[in-house]
Amino acid sequence: MNWINKRKLPAVEAIKFNNQLCLTLESLWGALHATFNTTLLRQVDTDILNELGNKPTSEWAPFSREEFKRALLSCNNTSASGSDKIS
């Protein structure tokens, strides 16, 4: 098996929620609603944020709009930045 070639994905892949296919807009909305609103009524203890403390900040070196554009254009758009270059 060649691991470096692009894999052909199926033309349609259905979203499943609770082992049921979401084949209608209503079932898809129900899945999204149930997934993202599960914490709606949970209590949140924001005091934990006080434990983080203040971190020192560093100043940005000044740069021009053109330098910014050149830096963006030089980026590879098929992998993430950083040393691991995850695709």
PDB file of N, CA and C in Angstrom:
ATOM      1  N   MET A   1       0.845  -1.175   0.000  1.00  0.00           N
ATOM      2  CA  MET A   1       0.000   0.000   0.000  1.00  0.00           C
ATOM      3  C   MET A   1       0.890   1.239   0.000  1.00  0.00           C
ATOM      4  N   ASN A   2       0.596   2.168  -0.869  1.00  0.00           N
ATOM      5  CA  ASN A   2       1.364   3.391  -0.967  1.00  0.00           C
ATOM      6  C   ASN A   2       0.750   4.434  -0.031  1.00  0.00           C
ATOM      7  N   TRP A   3       1.493   4.845   0.987  1.00  0.00           N
ATOM      8  CA  TRP A   3       0.961   5.743   2.017  1.00  0.00           C
ATOM      9  C   TRP A   3       1.091   7.214   1.669  1.00  0.00           C
ATOM     10  N   ILE A   4       1.783   7.544   0.593  1.00  0.00           N
ATOM     11  CA  ILE A   4       1.988   8.962   0.312  1.00  0.00           C
ATOM     12  C   ILE A   4       1.022   9.530  -0.724  1.00  0.00           C
ATOM     13  N   ASN A   5       0.283   8.680  -1.441  1.00  0.00           N
ATOM     14  CA  ASN A   5      -0.695   9.182  -2.407  1.00  0.00           C
ATOM     15  C   ASN A   5      -1.970   9.609  -1.690  1.00  0.00           C
ATOM     16  N   LYS A   6      -2.690  10.549  -2.291  1.00  0.00           N
ATOM     17  CA  LYS A   6      -3.953  10.982  -1.710  1.00  0.00           C
ATOM     18  C   LYS A   6      -4.961   9.849  -1.766  1.00  0.00           C
ATOM     19  N   ARG A   7      -5.741   9.738  -0.716  1.00  0.00           N
ATOM     20  CA  ARG A   7      -6.756   8.707  -0.626  1.00  0.00           C
ATOM     21  C   ARG A   7      -8.053   9.208  -1.229  1.00  0.00           C
ATOM     22  N   LYS A   8      -8.706   8.398  -2.011  1.00  0.00           N
ATOM     23  CA  LYS A   8      -9.993   8.781  -2.581  1.00  0.00           C
ATOM     24  C   LYS A   8     -11.075   8.529  -1.536  1.00  0.00           C
ATOM     25  N   LEU A   9     -11.778   9.578  -1.187  1.00  0.00           N
ATOM     26  CA  LEU A   9     -12.830   9.481  -0.185  1.00  0.00           C
ATOM     27  C   LEU A   9     -14.162   9.209  -0.869  1.00  0.00           C
ATOM     28  N   PRO A  10     -15.090   8.591  -0.160  1.00  0.00           N
ATOM     29  CA  PRO A  10     -16.408   8.370  -0.755  1.00  0.00           C
ATOM     30  C   PRO A  10     -17.079   9.699  -1.075  1.00  0.00           C
ATOM     31  N   ALA A  11     -17.897   9.704  -2.111  1.00  0.00           N
ATOM     32  CA  ALA A  11     -18.561  10.939  -2.528  1.00  0.00           C
ATOM     33  C   ALA A  11     -19.480  11.480  -1.439  1.00  0.00           C
ATOM     34  N   VAL A  12     -20.135  10.591  -0.695  1.00  0.00           N
ATOM     35  CA  VAL A  12     -21.048  11.008   0.366  1.00  0.00           C
ATOM     36  C   VAL A  12     -20.750  10.171   1.604  1.00  0.00           C
ATOM     37  N   GLU A  13     -20.613  10.847   2.717  1.00  0.00           N
ATOM     38  CA  GLU A  13     -20.412  10.144   3.984  1.00  0.00           C
ATOM     39  C   GLU A  13     -21.372  10.760   4.988  1.00  0.00           C
ATOM     40  N   ALA A  14     -22.315   9.972   5.476  1.00  0.00           N
ATOM     41  CA  ALA A  14     -23.358  10.490   6.355  1.00  0.00           C
ATOM     42  C   ALA A  14     -22.823  10.700   7.767  1.00  0.00           C
ATOM     43  N   ILE A  15     -23.402  11.670   8.448  1.00  0.00           N
ATOM     44  CA  ILE A  15     -23.095  11.926   9.852  1.00  0.00           C
ATOM     45  C   ILE A  15     -23.986  11.030  10.695  1.00  0.00           C
ATOM     46  N   LYS A  16     -23.380  10.393  11.711  1.00  0.00           N
ATOM     47  CA  LYS A  16     -24.141   9.533  12.618  1.00  0.00           C
ATOM     48  C   LYS A  16     -24.213  10.180  13.995  1.00  0.00           C
ATOM     49  N   PHE A  17     -25.355  10.028  14.638  1.00  0.00           N
ATOM     50  CA  PHE A  17     -25.543  10.473  16.014  1.00  0.00           C
ATOM     51  C   PHE A  17     -26.366   9.426  16.723  1.00  0.00           C
ATOM     52  N   ASN A  18     -25.891   8.925  17.856  1.00  0.00           N
ATOM     53  CA  ASN A  18     -26.542   7.827  18.586  1.00  0.00           C
ATOM     54  C   ASN A  18     -26.778   6.628  17.678  1.00  0.00           C
ATOM     55  N   ASN A  19     -25.788   6.314  16.862  1.00  0.00           N
ATOM     56  CA  ASN A  19     -25.829   5.184  15.924  1.00  0.00           C
ATOM     57  C   ASN A  19     -26.927   5.297  14.877  1.00  0.00           C
ATOM     58  N   GLN A  20     -27.438   6.491  14.654  1.00  0.00           N
ATOM     59  CA  GLN A  20     -28.455   6.725  13.626  1.00  0.00           C
ATOM     60  C   GLN A  20     -27.898   7.702  12.603  1.00  0.00           C
ATOM     61  N   LEU A  21     -28.153   7.427  11.320  1.00  0.00           N
ATOM     62  CA  LEU A  21     -27.716   8.346  10.280  1.00  0.00           C
ATOM     63  C   LEU A  21     -28.541   9.622  10.326  1.00  0.00           C
ATOM     64  N   CYS A  22     -27.897  10.744  10.122  1.00  0.00           N
ATOM     65  CA  CYS A  22     -28.592  12.034  10.042  1.00  0.00           C
ATOM     66  C   CYS A  22     -28.871  12.304   8.562  1.00  0.00           C
ATOM     67  N   LEU A  23     -30.018  11.875   8.111  1.00  0.00           N
ATOM     68  CA  LEU A  23     -30.352  11.972   6.688  1.00  0.00           C
ATOM     69  C   LEU A  23     -31.277  13.135   6.369  1.00  0.00           C
ATOM     70  N   THR A  24     -31.791  13.787   7.394  1.00  0.00           N
ATOM     71  CA  THR A  24     -32.656  14.945   7.168  1.00  0.00           C
ATOM     72  C   THR A  24     -32.064  16.140   7.904  1.00  0.00           C
ATOM     73  N   LEU A  25     -32.498  17.311   7.501  1.00  0.00           N
ATOM     74  CA  LEU A  25     -32.032  18.521   8.166  1.00  0.00           C
ATOM     75  C   LEU A  25     -32.452  18.521   9.633  1.00  0.00           C
ATOM     76  N   GLU A  26     -33.620  17.995   9.906  1.00  0.00           N
ATOM     77  CA  GLU A  26     -34.112  17.939  11.288  1.00  0.00           C
ATOM     78  C   GLU A  26     -33.236  17.027  12.154  1.00  0.00           C
ATOM     79  N   SER A  27     -32.859  15.862  11.626  1.00  0.00           N
ATOM     80  CA  SER A  27     -32.022  14.947  12.415  1.00  0.00           C
ATOM     81  C   SER A  27     -30.612  15.513  12.580  1.00  0.00           C
ATOM     82  N   LEU A  28     -30.114  16.208  11.569  1.00  0.00           N
ATOM     83  CA  LEU A  28     -28.803  16.835  11.680  1.00  0.00           C
ATOM     84  C   LEU A  28     -28.838  17.946  12.720  1.00  0.00           C
ATOM     85  N   TRP A  29     -29.875  18.776  12.685  1.00  0.00           N
ATOM     86  CA  TRP A  29     -29.999  19.843  13.675  1.00  0.00           C
ATOM     87  C   TRP A  29     -30.108  19.260  15.086  1.00  0.00           C
ATOM     88  N   GLY A  30     -30.851  18.186  15.242  1.00  0.00           N
ATOM     89  CA  GLY A  30     -30.970  17.540  16.547  1.00  0.00           C
ATOM     90  C   GLY A  30     -29.628  17.055  17.060  1.00  0.00           C
ATOM     91  N   ALA A  31     -28.825  16.468  16.178  1.00  0.00           N
ATOM     92  CA  ALA A  31     -27.493  15.992  16.571  1.00  0.00           C
ATOM     93  C   ALA A  31     -26.598  17.152  16.976  1.00  0.00           C
ATOM     94  N   LEU A  32     -26.604  18.219  16.195  1.00  0.00           N
ATOM     95  CA  LEU A  32     -25.779  19.378  16.528  1.00  0.00           C
ATOM     96  C   LEU A  32     -26.236  20.020  17.831  1.00  0.00           C
ATOM     97  N   HIS A  33     -27.531  20.158  17.993  1.00  0.00           N
ATOM     98  CA  HIS A  33     -28.083  20.758  19.214  1.00  0.00           C
ATOM     99  C   HIS A  33     -27.703  19.931  20.441  1.00  0.00           C
ATOM    100  N   ALA A  34     -27.866  18.631  20.345  1.00  0.00           N
ATOM    101  CA  ALA A  34     -27.555  17.762  21.478  1.00  0.00           C
ATOM    102  C   ALA A  34     -26.060  17.766  21.788  1.00  0.00           C
ATOM    103  N   THR A  35     -25.230  17.866  20.770  1.00  0.00           N
ATOM    104  CA  THR A  35     -23.790  17.830  20.971  1.00  0.00           C
ATOM    105  C   THR A  35     -23.262  19.114  21.590  1.00  0.00           C
ATOM    106  N   PHE A  36     -23.677  20.249  21.072  1.00  0.00           N
ATOM    107  CA  PHE A  36     -23.097  21.507  21.513  1.00  0.00           C
ATOM    108  C   PHE A  36     -23.813  22.145  22.694  1.00  0.00           C
ATOM    109  N   ASN A  37     -24.972  21.686  23.060  1.00  0.00           N
ATOM    110  CA  ASN A  37     -25.693  22.286  24.181  1.00  0.00           C
ATOM    111  C   ASN A  37     -25.731  21.387  25.409  1.00  0.00           C
ATOM    112  N   THR A  38     -24.871  20.381  25.462  1.00  0.00           N
ATOM    113  CA  THR A  38     -24.870  19.475  26.611  1.00  0.00           C
ATOM    114  C   THR A  38     -24.408  20.158  27.887  1.00  0.00           C
ATOM    115  N   THR A  39     -23.677  21.240  27.786  1.00  0.00           N
ATOM    116  CA  THR A  39     -23.166  21.925  28.981  1.00  0.00           C
ATOM    117  C   THR A  39     -23.962  23.166  29.333  1.00  0.00           C
ATOM    118  N   LEU A  40     -25.083  23.360  28.673  1.00  0.00           N
ATOM    119  CA  LEU A  40     -25.857  24.590  28.849  1.00  0.00           C
ATOM    120  C   LEU A  40     -26.224  24.853  30.310  1.00  0.00           C
ATOM    121  N   LEU A  41     -26.650  23.852  31.041  1.00  0.00           N
ATOM    122  CA  LEU A  41     -27.117  24.053  32.420  1.00  0.00           C
ATOM    123  C   LEU A  41     -26.080  23.663  33.469  1.00  0.00           C
ATOM    124  N   ARG A  42     -24.857  23.367  33.058  1.00  0.00           N
ATOM    125  CA  ARG A  42     -23.816  22.999  34.017  1.00  0.00           C
ATOM    126  C   ARG A  42     -23.243  24.247  34.681  1.00  0.00           C
ATOM    127  N   GLN A  43     -22.958  24.113  35.961  1.00  0.00           N
ATOM    128  CA  GLN A  43     -22.320  25.198  36.695  1.00  0.00           C
ATOM    129  C   GLN A  43     -20.832  25.227  36.341  1.00  0.00           C
ATOM    130  N   VAL A  44     -20.305  26.412  36.211  1.00  0.00           N
ATOM    131  CA  VAL A  44     -18.894  26.572  35.883  1.00  0.00           C
ATOM    132  C   VAL A  44     -18.222  27.355  37.005  1.00  0.00           C
ATOM    133  N   ASP A  45     -17.119  26.821  37.502  1.00  0.00           N
ATOM    134  CA  ASP A  45     -16.366  27.495  38.551  1.00  0.00           C
ATOM    135  C   ASP A  45     -15.262  28.315  37.881  1.00  0.00           C
ATOM    136  N   THR A  46     -15.494  29.611  37.734  1.00  0.00           N
ATOM    137  CA  THR A  46     -14.520  30.468  37.067  1.00  0.00           C
ATOM    138  C   THR A  46     -13.348  30.852  37.967  1.00  0.00           C
ATOM    139  N   ASP A  47     -13.406  30.482  39.251  1.00  0.00           N
ATOM    140  CA  ASP A  47     -12.297  30.789  40.158  1.00  0.00           C
ATOM    141  C   ASP A  47     -11.012  30.092  39.747  1.00  0.00           C
ATOM    142  N   ILE A  48     -11.123  29.026  38.990  1.00  0.00           N
ATOM    143  CA  ILE A  48      -9.929  28.322  38.539  1.00  0.00           C
ATOM    144  C   ILE A  48      -9.065  29.219  37.660  1.00  0.00           C
ATOM    145  N   LEU A  49      -9.679  30.196  37.023  1.00  0.00           N
ATOM    146  CA  LEU A  49      -8.919  31.122  36.184  1.00  0.00           C
ATOM    147  C   LEU A  49      -7.978  31.979  37.007  1.00  0.00           C
ATOM    148  N   ASN A  50      -8.312  32.211  38.277  1.00  0.00           N
ATOM    149  CA  ASN A  50      -7.446  33.012  39.145  1.00  0.00           C
ATOM    150  C   ASN A  50      -6.128  32.308  39.434  1.00  0.00           C
ATOM    151  N   GLU A  51      -6.108  30.986  39.330  1.00  0.00           N
ATOM    152  CA  GLU A  51      -4.893  30.222  39.611  1.00  0.00           C
ATOM    153  C   GLU A  51      -3.858  30.367  38.499  1.00  0.00           C
ATOM    154  N   LEU A  52      -4.278  30.835  37.334  1.00  0.00           N
ATOM    155  CA  LEU A  52      -3.353  30.947  36.220  1.00  0.00           C
ATOM    156  C   LEU A  52      -2.308  32.040  36.437  1.00  0.00           C
ATOM    157  N   GLY A  53      -2.690  33.095  37.109  1.00  0.00           N
ATOM    158  CA  GLY A  53      -1.754  34.189  37.356  1.00  0.00           C
ATOM    159  C   GLY A  53      -1.459  34.968  36.083  1.00  0.00           C
ATOM    160  N   ASN A  54      -0.663  36.010  36.241  1.00  0.00           N
ATOM    161  CA  ASN A  54      -0.293  36.830  35.093  1.00  0.00           C
ATOM    162  C   ASN A  54       1.007  36.325  34.493  1.00  0.00           C
ATOM    163  N   LYS A  55       1.040  36.223  33.212  1.00  0.00           N
ATOM    164  CA  LYS A  55       2.237  35.797  32.502  1.00  0.00           C
ATOM    165  C   LYS A  55       2.884  37.018  31.868  1.00  0.00           C
ATOM    166  N   PRO A  56       4.205  37.042  31.822  1.00  0.00           N
ATOM    167  CA  PRO A  56       4.859  38.193  31.186  1.00  0.00           C
ATOM    168  C   PRO A  56       4.536  38.220  29.686  1.00  0.00           C
ATOM    169  N   THR A  57       4.406  39.410  29.177  1.00  0.00           N
ATOM    170  CA  THR A  57       4.129  39.563  27.745  1.00  0.00           C
ATOM    171  C   THR A  57       5.394  39.985  27.030  1.00  0.00           C
ATOM    172  N   SER A  58       5.460  39.689  25.757  1.00  0.00           N
ATOM    173  CA  SER A  58       6.603  40.120  24.965  1.00  0.00           C
ATOM    174  C   SER A  58       6.103  41.026  23.848  1.00  0.00           C
ATOM    175  N   GLU A  59       6.916  41.953  23.469  1.00  0.00           N
ATOM    176  CA  GLU A  59       6.561  42.909  22.433  1.00  0.00           C
ATOM    177  C   GLU A  59       6.793  42.302  21.056  1.00  0.00           C
ATOM    178  N   TRP A  60       5.940  42.655  20.117  1.00  0.00           N
ATOM    179  CA  TRP A  60       6.126  42.250  18.729  1.00  0.00           C
ATOM    180  C   TRP A  60       7.167  43.155  18.091  1.00  0.00           C
ATOM    181  N   ALA A  61       8.013  42.575  17.275  1.00  0.00           N
ATOM    182  CA  ALA A  61       8.925  43.391  16.484  1.00  0.00           C
ATOM    183  C   ALA A  61       8.090  44.078  15.401  1.00  0.00           C
ATOM    184  N   PRO A  62       8.341  45.328  15.119  1.00  0.00           N
ATOM    185  CA  PRO A  62       7.546  46.011  14.100  1.00  0.00           C
ATOM    186  C   PRO A  62       7.737  45.356  12.730  1.00  0.00           C
ATOM    187  N   PHE A  63       6.663  45.297  11.958  1.00  0.00           N
ATOM    188  CA  PHE A  63       6.731  44.759  10.594  1.00  0.00           C
ATOM    189  C   PHE A  63       5.745  45.503   9.724  1.00  0.00           C
ATOM    190  N   SER A  64       6.041  45.524   8.436  1.00  0.00           N
ATOM    191  CA  SER A  64       5.183  46.246   7.500  1.00  0.00           C
ATOM    192  C   SER A  64       4.126  45.310   6.925  1.00  0.00           C
ATOM    193  N   ARG A  65       3.166  45.886   6.258  1.00  0.00           N
ATOM    194  CA  ARG A  65       2.122  45.100   5.595  1.00  0.00           C
ATOM    195  C   ARG A  65       2.741  44.191   4.533  1.00  0.00           C
ATOM    196  N   GLU A  66       3.733  44.703   3.811  1.00  0.00           N
ATOM    197  CA  GLU A  66       4.395  43.912   2.764  1.00  0.00           C
ATOM    198  C   GLU A  66       5.154  42.738   3.367  1.00  0.00           C
ATOM    199  N   GLU A  67       5.837  42.949   4.492  1.00  0.00           N
ATOM    200  CA  GLU A  67       6.532  41.841   5.155  1.00  0.00           C
ATOM    201  C   GLU A  67       5.536  40.764   5.573  1.00  0.00           C
ATOM    202  N   PHE A  68       4.392  41.204   6.060  1.00  0.00           N
ATOM    203  CA  PHE A  68       3.351  40.260   6.479  1.00  0.00           C
ATOM    204  C   PHE A  68       2.841  39.453   5.288  1.00  0.00           C
ATOM    205  N   LYS A  69       2.566  40.134   4.174  1.00  0.00           N
ATOM    206  CA  LYS A  69       2.092  39.450   2.972  1.00  0.00           C
ATOM    207  C   LYS A  69       3.126  38.454   2.454  1.00  0.00           C
ATOM    208  N   ARG A  70       4.404  38.865   2.437  1.00  0.00           N
ATOM    209  CA  ARG A  70       5.464  37.950   1.966  1.00  0.00           C
ATOM    210  C   ARG A  70       5.555  36.719   2.854  1.00  0.00           C
ATOM    211  N   ALA A  71       5.422  36.926   4.168  1.00  0.00           N
ATOM    212  CA  ALA A  71       5.492  35.797   5.102  1.00  0.00           C
ATOM    213  C   ALA A  71       4.332  34.834   4.859  1.00  0.00           C
ATOM    214  N   LEU A  72       3.128  35.371   4.624  1.00  0.00           N
ATOM    215  CA  LEU A  72       1.979  34.504   4.354  1.00  0.00           C
ATOM    216  C   LEU A  72       2.137  33.749   3.049  1.00  0.00           C
ATOM    217  N   LEU A  73       2.614  34.435   2.016  1.00  0.00           N
ATOM    218  CA  LEU A  73       2.779  33.790   0.712  1.00  0.00           C
ATOM    219  C   LEU A  73       3.869  32.726   0.731  1.00  0.00           C
ATOM    220  N   SER A  74       4.815  32.842   1.640  1.00  0.00           N
ATOM    221  CA  SER A  74       5.893  31.846   1.698  1.00  0.00           C
ATOM    222  C   SER A  74       5.494  30.598   2.481  1.00  0.00           C
ATOM    223  N   CYS A  75       4.322  30.629   3.121  1.00  0.00           N
ATOM    224  CA  CYS A  75       3.865  29.478   3.902  1.00  0.00           C
ATOM    225  C   CYS A  75       3.381  28.359   2.988  1.00  0.00           C
ATOM    226  N   ASN A  76       3.583  27.143   3.426  1.00  0.00           N
ATOM    227  CA  ASN A  76       3.093  25.974   2.724  1.00  0.00           C
ATOM    228  C   ASN A  76       1.631  25.771   3.113  1.00  0.00           C
ATOM    229  N   ASN A  77       0.738  25.664   2.141  1.00  0.00           N
ATOM    230  CA  ASN A  77      -0.683  25.539   2.476  1.00  0.00           C
ATOM    231  C   ASN A  77      -1.148  24.091   2.590  1.00  0.00           C
ATOM    232  N   THR A  78      -0.211  23.146   2.624  1.00  0.00           N
ATOM    233  CA  THR A  78      -0.604  21.743   2.771  1.00  0.00           C
ATOM    234  C   THR A  78      -0.159  21.147   4.100  1.00  0.00           C
ATOM    235  N   SER A  79       0.443  21.940   4.972  1.00  0.00           N
ATOM    236  CA  SER A  79       0.838  21.407   6.274  1.00  0.00           C
ATOM    237  C   SER A  79       0.768  22.520   7.318  1.00  0.00           C
ATOM    238  N   ALA A  80       0.763  22.101   8.569  1.00  0.00           N
ATOM    239  CA  ALA A  80       0.696  23.046   9.675  1.00  0.00           C
ATOM    240  C   ALA A  80       2.073  23.644   9.928  1.00  0.00           C
ATOM    241  N   SER A  81       2.084  24.813  10.543  1.00  0.00           N
ATOM    242  CA  SER A  81       3.367  25.416  10.884  1.00  0.00           C
ATOM    243  C   SER A  81       3.994  24.654  12.040  1.00  0.00           C
ATOM    244  N   GLY A  82       5.236  24.837  12.234  1.00  0.00           N
ATOM    245  CA  GLY A  82       5.942  24.155  13.320  1.00  0.00           C
ATOM    246  C   GLY A  82       6.845  23.063  12.783  1.00  0.00           C
ATOM    247  N   SER A  83       7.569  22.449  13.683  1.00  0.00           N
ATOM    248  CA  SER A  83       8.582  21.476  13.266  1.00  0.00           C
ATOM    249  C   SER A  83       7.999  20.146  12.801  1.00  0.00           C
ATOM    250  N   ASP A  84       6.777  19.791  13.231  1.00  0.00           N
ATOM    251  CA  ASP A  84       6.236  18.478  12.857  1.00  0.00           C
ATOM    252  C   ASP A  84       5.619  18.468  11.467  1.00  0.00           C
ATOM    253  N   LYS A  85       5.179  19.617  10.946  1.00  0.00           N
ATOM    254  CA  LYS A  85       4.619  19.731   9.598  1.00  0.00           C
ATOM    255  C   LYS A  85       3.473  18.749   9.366  1.00  0.00           C
ATOM    256  N   ILE A  86       2.569  18.641  10.310  1.00  0.00           N
ATOM    257  CA  ILE A  86       1.434  17.733  10.190  1.00  0.00           C
ATOM    258  C   ILE A  86       0.543  18.207   9.050  1.00  0.00           C
ATOM    259  N   SER A  87       0.165  17.299   8.191  1.00  0.00           N
ATOM    260  CA  SER A  87      -0.716  17.646   7.059  1.00  0.00           C
ATOM    261  C   SER A  87      -2.150  17.762   7.505  1.00  0.00           C
TER     262      SER A  87
END
